[in-house]
Amino acid sequence: MNNKLKVGSLYAGVGGICQGFINAGNQLEWANEIDKYACITYRNNFTHKLYEEDIFKLDPKEVEPIDILAGGFPCQPFSIAGFRKGFEDERGNHFFRIIHFAEILKPKVIFLENVKNLVSHDEGKTLKIIKSTLETLGYTVHFKVLNSKDYGNIPQNRERIYIVAFKKDENGEDIYGRYFNFPKAINLDVKIKDLLEDNNEERYYYREDKKIYGELSKGVKSKDTVYQWRRHYVRENKQNVCPTLTANMGTGGHNVPIILTDNGIRKLTPSECFRLQGYSIEYKLPDISQAQLYKQAGNSVTVAVIERLAKEIQSAIMLGDSNIQNDKQSA
């Protein structure tokens, strides 16, 4: 039985969700992304069809049929850093655009990723609407908040909610979702230093001529963890993992996490940030601005977590299809 599922990816960014499903043995049919710089990075690493356009202009009737519809839809309306407007923010309508794609394509699985705050947003009403909308469309819904350091063996403290919805059959039977389980937590044995590179480019280093060097030199003492500059002081991550990478790393200043190396105190490089999102060393970063690369890393997902989820989805589909086949043979 062929267990390679066909995947379509909305809001693909630089391909974190796509890469996770590919790593699990699935086939990407197409992806959609509007940001031109993200598309440059995406095309640098993938060869399947990429629709570089506004999702509201992309016709779901024109894309290839798929088994899994995936989307890390815009999180700003639900994030702690945002204004918490949820569906009142026009970006909240992106969820319903995904639903429109699902109505047309009727995938076996809808896979969504968003910020942890989606769970508590508007006293839980936002998540309740998302869940009920998917159920009305004929899906069973599973959701859970997973931390990259606990579920991806990646030393980054990154909590995200993952929503996995399985299509019921025409009789309303949950043929796939009943077999699905979220992956179990695993021990973190990858250390920050395992993902660092030998980089001596001066642009990443803080030297004595930098304004905050004095404070950094007093606070940045260990080579085993990651630090942040917080306006007037240095914050050390006591868990010896990287704090959540954010898109505002691309806005300059001291938003990029800081480490201590043999050559001095420096920022993480863009490629190190990608490694801390679970991208392999073979993943190619294009010749675009550092600001865009930092932003892309912060906006991405942790590939290793997606891969584990994809394998669980794959297993549930295989069991469901096998059960259907057995029923046909015994009929």
Protein backbone atom coordinates (compact mmCIF):
# COMPACT_ATOMS: atom_id res chain seq x y z
CA MET A 1 0.00 0.00 0.00
CA ASN A 2 1.39 3.38 -1.03
CA ASN A 3 1.70 5.54 2.08
CA LYS A 4 3.03 8.65 0.34
CA LEU A 5 0.41 11.34 0.91
CA LYS A 6 0.02 14.39 -1.33
CA VAL A 7 0.34 17.72 0.47
CA GLY A 8 -0.66 21.28 -0.39
CA SER A 9 0.82 24.05 1.75
CA LEU A 10 -0.76 27.48 2.31
CA TYR A 11 1.22 30.31 3.94
CA ALA A 12 4.30 28.21 3.23
CA GLY A 13 6.89 30.80 4.28
CA VAL A 14 10.31 29.31 3.61
CA GLY A 15 9.01 25.75 3.74
CA GLY A 16 9.25 24.53 7.32
CA ILE A 17 5.95 22.64 7.23
CA CYS A 18 6.70 21.45 3.70
CA GLN A 19 10.11 20.11 4.68
CA GLY A 20 8.69 18.33 7.71
CA PHE A 21 6.13 16.46 5.60
CA ILE A 22 8.76 15.67 2.97
CA ASN A 23 11.11 14.33 5.64
CA ALA A 24 8.30 12.02 6.78
CA GLY A 25 8.07 10.57 3.26
CA ASN A 26 5.19 12.55 1.81
CA GLN A 27 4.93 14.39 -1.51
CA LEU A 28 4.49 18.15 -1.83
CA GLU A 29 2.23 18.94 -4.76
CA TRP A 30 2.20 22.73 -4.42
CA ALA A 31 2.65 25.61 -2.00
CA ASN A 32 1.49 29.21 -1.69
CA GLU A 33 3.35 32.23 -0.30
CA ILE A 34 3.01 35.95 -0.91
CA ASP A 35 6.25 37.33 0.56
CA LYS A 36 8.72 37.76 -2.32
CA TYR A 37 11.82 37.22 -0.18
CA ALA A 38 10.40 34.08 1.41
CA CYS A 39 9.64 32.84 -2.10
CA ILE A 40 13.29 33.37 -3.09
CA THR A 41 14.41 31.20 -0.19
CA TYR A 42 11.69 28.66 -0.91
CA ARG A 43 12.65 28.25 -4.55
CA ASN A 44 16.27 27.89 -3.49
CA ASN A 45 15.32 24.62 -1.77
CA PHE A 46 12.23 23.16 -3.47
CA THR A 47 11.28 22.38 -7.07
CA HIS A 48 7.52 21.73 -6.84
CA LYS A 49 4.92 24.32 -7.84
CA LEU A 50 4.93 27.54 -5.81
CA TYR A 51 2.07 29.98 -6.23
CA GLU A 52 3.60 33.36 -5.39
CA GLU A 53 0.47 35.41 -4.85
CA ASP A 54 -2.18 36.63 -2.45
CA ILE A 55 -4.11 33.65 -1.11
CA PHE A 56 -7.37 35.54 -1.69
CA LYS A 57 -6.53 35.66 -5.40
CA LEU A 58 -5.47 32.01 -5.64
CA ASP A 59 -8.37 29.90 -6.93
CA PRO A 60 -8.60 26.58 -5.03
CA LYS A 61 -10.23 25.05 -8.13
CA GLU A 62 -6.98 25.55 -10.05
CA VAL A 63 -4.60 23.72 -7.70
CA GLU A 64 -3.91 19.99 -7.71
CA PRO A 65 -6.01 17.72 -5.44
CA ILE A 66 -4.22 16.75 -2.24
CA ASP A 67 -4.62 14.46 0.78
CA ILE A 68 -3.37 16.99 3.33
CA LEU A 69 -4.01 20.72 3.36
CA ALA A 70 -1.46 22.42 5.60
CA GLY A 71 -1.17 26.01 6.76
CA GLY A 72 0.72 28.02 9.32
CA PHE A 73 -1.74 30.87 8.98
CA PRO A 74 -0.88 34.41 10.20
CA CYS A 75 -0.45 34.42 13.95
CA GLN A 76 -0.33 38.15 14.69
CA PRO A 77 -4.07 38.43 15.50
CA PHE A 78 -3.63 35.79 18.22
CA SER A 79 -0.11 36.42 19.52
CA ILE A 80 0.84 37.93 22.84
CA ALA A 81 3.00 40.39 20.92
CA GLY A 82 0.04 41.49 18.81
CA PHE A 83 -3.12 43.32 19.73
CA ARG A 84 -5.14 40.14 20.39
CA LYS A 85 -7.93 41.19 18.05
CA GLY A 86 -8.39 37.69 16.67
CA PHE A 87 -11.13 37.47 14.06
CA GLU A 88 -11.73 41.23 14.35
CA ASP A 89 -8.33 41.67 12.72
CA GLU A 90 -8.63 41.21 8.94
CA ARG A 91 -5.78 38.71 9.13
CA GLY A 92 -8.07 36.51 11.22
CA ASN A 93 -10.05 35.96 8.01
CA HIS A 94 -7.17 33.88 6.73
CA PHE A 95 -8.51 30.92 8.73
CA PHE A 96 -11.77 31.10 6.82
CA ARG A 97 -9.85 31.28 3.56
CA ILE A 98 -8.27 27.95 4.51
CA ILE A 99 -11.76 26.63 5.15
CA HIS A 100 -12.78 27.72 1.65
CA PHE A 101 -9.87 25.72 0.21
CA ALA A 102 -10.93 22.73 2.30
CA GLU A 103 -14.53 22.98 1.05
CA ILE A 104 -13.29 22.77 -2.55
CA LEU A 105 -10.42 20.29 -2.17
CA LYS A 106 -11.97 18.04 0.53
CA PRO A 107 -8.61 16.81 1.89
CA LYS A 108 -8.40 13.86 4.25
CA VAL A 109 -6.48 16.03 6.70
CA ILE A 110 -6.28 19.73 7.57
CA PHE A 111 -3.09 20.59 9.42
CA LEU A 112 -2.78 24.01 11.10
CA GLU A 113 -0.08 25.68 13.20
CA ASN A 114 -0.30 28.85 15.26
CA VAL A 115 0.95 30.54 18.41
CA LYS A 116 0.26 29.09 21.86
CA ASN A 117 -1.88 32.09 22.76
CA LEU A 118 -4.56 30.86 20.37
CA VAL A 119 -5.64 28.48 23.15
CA SER A 120 -6.57 31.28 25.56
CA HIS A 121 -7.43 34.05 23.10
CA ASP A 122 -10.77 35.74 23.86
CA GLU A 123 -11.27 33.37 26.82
CA GLY A 124 -11.03 30.37 24.50
CA LYS A 125 -13.76 31.55 22.13
CA THR A 126 -11.44 31.85 19.13
CA LEU A 127 -10.27 28.24 19.35
CA LYS A 128 -13.86 27.14 19.95
CA ILE A 129 -14.92 28.83 16.68
CA ILE A 130 -12.04 27.20 14.80
CA LYS A 131 -12.91 23.79 16.21
CA SER A 132 -16.66 24.09 15.55
CA THR A 133 -16.05 25.36 12.00
CA LEU A 134 -13.90 22.34 11.21
CA GLU A 135 -16.43 19.99 12.78
CA THR A 136 -19.27 21.53 10.76
CA LEU A 137 -17.20 20.83 7.66
CA GLY A 138 -17.14 17.15 8.64
CA TYR A 139 -13.82 16.83 10.44
CA THR A 140 -12.80 15.45 13.81
CA VAL A 141 -10.41 17.83 15.54
CA HIS A 142 -7.31 17.21 17.64
CA PHE A 143 -5.15 20.01 19.05
CA LYS A 144 -2.22 20.30 21.41
CA VAL A 145 0.52 22.77 22.35
CA LEU A 146 3.98 21.30 21.71
CA ASN A 147 7.35 22.77 22.65
CA SER A 148 10.22 22.29 20.19
CA LYS A 149 12.64 21.37 22.97
CA ASP A 150 10.33 18.60 24.20
CA TYR A 151 8.98 17.23 20.93
CA GLY A 152 11.62 18.03 18.32
CA ASN A 153 14.91 17.41 20.11
CA ILE A 154 15.79 20.98 19.20
CA PRO A 155 17.23 23.29 21.90
CA GLN A 156 14.72 26.10 21.41
CA ASN A 157 11.94 27.04 23.81
CA ARG A 158 9.16 27.38 21.24
CA GLU A 159 5.55 26.56 22.13
CA ARG A 160 3.04 26.32 19.31
CA ILE A 161 -0.45 24.91 18.94
CA TYR A 162 -0.96 22.23 16.31
CA ILE A 163 -4.45 21.47 15.04
CA VAL A 164 -4.97 18.22 13.15
CA ALA A 165 -8.42 17.58 11.65
CA PHE A 166 -9.45 14.34 9.90
CA LYS A 167 -12.27 14.07 7.36
CA LYS A 168 -15.12 11.73 8.31
CA ASP A 169 -16.66 9.46 5.68
CA GLU A 170 -20.06 10.04 4.07
CA ASN A 171 -21.71 8.23 6.98
CA GLY A 172 -20.07 10.50 9.54
CA GLU A 173 -17.68 7.81 10.74
CA ASP A 174 -14.29 8.88 12.06
CA ILE A 175 -12.26 6.53 9.89
CA TYR A 176 -8.88 8.23 10.38
CA GLY A 177 -8.93 10.49 13.41
CA ARG A 178 -9.58 7.65 15.84
CA TYR A 179 -6.13 6.28 15.03
CA PHE A 180 -4.29 9.56 15.52
CA ASN A 181 -2.09 10.31 18.52
CA PHE A 182 0.15 13.28 19.11
CA PRO A 183 3.81 12.25 19.42
CA LYS A 184 5.18 11.67 22.88
CA ALA A 185 7.75 13.95 24.47
CA ILE A 186 11.37 12.92 23.94
CA ASN A 187 14.60 13.68 25.75
CA LEU A 188 16.54 16.69 24.54
CA ASP A 189 20.08 15.56 23.78
CA VAL A 190 21.01 18.11 21.10
CA LYS A 191 22.90 21.01 22.64
CA ILE A 192 23.14 24.58 21.37
CA LYS A 193 26.85 24.14 20.61
CA ASP A 194 25.98 21.21 18.32
CA LEU A 195 24.18 23.63 16.00
CA LEU A 196 26.73 26.45 15.98
CA GLU A 197 29.22 27.13 13.23
CA ASP A 198 32.78 28.38 13.35
CA ASN A 199 32.07 31.93 12.30
CA ASN A 200 34.63 34.71 12.52
CA GLU A 201 32.77 37.39 10.55
CA GLU A 202 33.18 40.59 12.53
CA ARG A 203 29.67 41.82 11.72
CA TYR A 204 28.23 39.34 14.21
CA TYR A 205 30.51 40.25 17.12
CA TYR A 206 30.19 42.78 19.92
CA ARG A 207 33.53 44.47 20.50
CA GLU A 208 34.64 47.11 22.99
CA ASP A 209 33.63 49.91 20.64
CA LYS A 210 29.97 48.84 20.86
CA LYS A 211 27.78 50.79 23.26
CA ILE A 212 26.44 47.79 25.21
CA TYR A 213 29.68 45.80 25.26
CA GLY A 214 30.33 46.58 28.91
CA GLU A 215 27.00 45.20 30.07
CA LEU A 216 27.27 42.20 27.79
CA SER A 217 30.76 41.31 29.02
CA LYS A 218 29.48 41.31 32.60
CA GLY A 219 26.39 39.20 31.88
CA VAL A 220 27.42 36.81 29.12
CA LYS A 221 29.57 34.24 30.93
CA SER A 222 28.66 30.73 29.74
CA LYS A 223 29.28 29.02 26.40
CA ASP A 224 26.50 26.53 27.09
CA THR A 225 23.46 28.75 26.78
CA VAL A 226 21.94 31.69 24.91
CA TYR A 227 21.41 35.26 26.11
CA GLN A 228 19.16 38.17 25.22
CA TRP A 229 19.71 41.90 25.58
CA ARG A 230 16.61 43.33 27.25
CA ARG A 231 16.84 47.11 26.90
CA HIS A 232 19.04 47.65 29.98
CA TYR A 233 20.20 44.20 31.08
CA VAL A 234 21.31 40.77 29.94
CA ARG A 235 18.91 37.84 30.33
CA GLU A 236 20.36 34.34 30.53
CA ASN A 237 18.30 31.34 29.52
CA LYS A 238 18.56 29.10 32.58
CA GLN A 239 17.38 26.02 30.69
CA ASN A 240 20.41 26.12 28.39
CA VAL A 241 18.20 26.40 25.32
CA CYS A 242 17.56 29.20 22.87
CA PRO A 243 14.62 31.51 23.65
CA THR A 244 11.83 31.63 21.10
CA LEU A 245 13.14 32.95 17.80
CA THR A 246 10.96 35.81 16.58
CA ALA A 247 10.37 37.68 13.33
CA ASN A 248 11.58 40.92 14.91
CA MET A 249 15.10 39.53 14.79
CA GLY A 250 15.00 41.04 11.32
CA THR A 251 14.40 44.56 12.62
CA GLY A 252 18.00 44.99 13.70
CA GLY A 253 19.34 46.11 17.06
CA HIS A 254 19.86 43.40 19.65
CA ASN A 255 16.82 41.25 18.93
CA VAL A 256 18.97 38.32 17.78
CA PRO A 257 19.96 35.94 20.61
CA ILE A 258 23.55 36.27 21.85
CA ILE A 259 26.18 33.61 22.57
CA LEU A 260 29.71 33.42 23.97
CA THR A 261 32.37 31.80 21.78
CA ASP A 262 36.14 31.41 21.92
CA ASN A 263 36.36 34.47 19.68
CA GLY A 264 34.11 36.64 21.83
CA ILE A 265 30.47 37.60 22.28
CA ARG A 266 28.36 37.51 19.13
CA LYS A 267 24.87 37.18 17.73
CA LEU A 268 23.58 33.96 16.27
CA THR A 269 24.00 33.92 12.50
CA PRO A 270 20.98 33.45 10.20
CA SER A 271 22.06 29.92 9.35
CA GLU A 272 22.33 29.06 13.05
CA CYS A 273 18.81 30.38 13.57
CA PHE A 274 17.62 28.08 10.79
CA ARG A 275 19.42 25.16 12.44
CA LEU A 276 17.62 26.05 15.68
CA GLN A 277 14.38 25.61 13.72
CA GLY A 278 15.41 22.09 12.72
CA TYR A 279 16.55 22.82 9.16
CA SER A 280 19.40 20.66 7.96
CA ILE A 281 22.83 21.98 7.11
CA GLU A 282 21.97 21.27 3.44
CA TYR A 283 19.18 23.85 3.48
CA LYS A 284 20.40 26.69 1.27
CA LEU A 285 20.07 30.34 2.24
CA PRO A 286 20.00 32.74 -0.73
CA ASP A 287 21.96 35.93 -1.14
CA ILE A 288 19.36 38.30 0.31
CA SER A 289 19.60 40.69 3.24
CA GLN A 290 20.47 39.43 6.71
CA ALA A 291 17.33 41.16 8.00
CA GLN A 292 15.11 39.08 5.73
CA LEU A 293 16.86 35.83 6.68
CA TYR A 294 16.47 36.53 10.40
CA LYS A 295 12.80 37.39 9.85
CA GLN A 296 12.26 34.18 7.90
CA ALA A 297 13.84 32.03 10.59
CA GLY A 298 11.71 33.67 13.28
CA ASN A 299 8.51 33.26 11.25
CA SER A 300 9.19 29.61 10.50
CA VAL A 301 8.19 26.42 12.27
CA THR A 302 10.42 23.77 13.81
CA VAL A 303 10.88 21.20 11.05
CA ALA A 304 11.61 18.30 13.40
CA VAL A 305 8.29 18.75 15.24
CA ILE A 306 6.39 18.86 11.93
CA GLU A 307 8.12 15.66 10.79
CA ARG A 308 7.02 13.79 13.91
CA LEU A 309 3.44 15.03 13.53
CA ALA A 310 3.46 14.11 9.84
CA LYS A 311 4.48 10.56 10.67
CA GLU A 312 1.61 10.23 13.15
CA ILE A 313 -0.81 11.55 10.52
CA GLN A 314 0.62 9.11 8.00
CA SER A 315 0.13 6.23 10.43
CA ALA A 316 -3.50 7.19 11.12
CA ILE A 317 -4.29 7.37 7.38
CA MET A 318 -2.64 4.01 6.73
CA LEU A 319 -4.59 2.33 9.52
CA GLY A 320 -7.82 3.90 8.37
CA ASP A 321 -7.32 2.89 4.74
CA SER A 322 -6.29 -0.62 5.79
CA ASN A 323 -9.45 -0.95 7.85
CA ILE A 324 -11.56 0.21 4.89
CA GLN A 325 -9.87 -2.33 2.64
CA ASN A 326 -10.48 -5.15 5.13
CA ASP A 327 -14.16 -4.21 5.36
CA LYS A 328 -14.47 -4.36 1.57
CA GLN A 329 -12.83 -7.79 1.42
CA SER A 330 -15.06 -9.21 4.15
CA ALA A 331 -18.24 -7.76 2.65
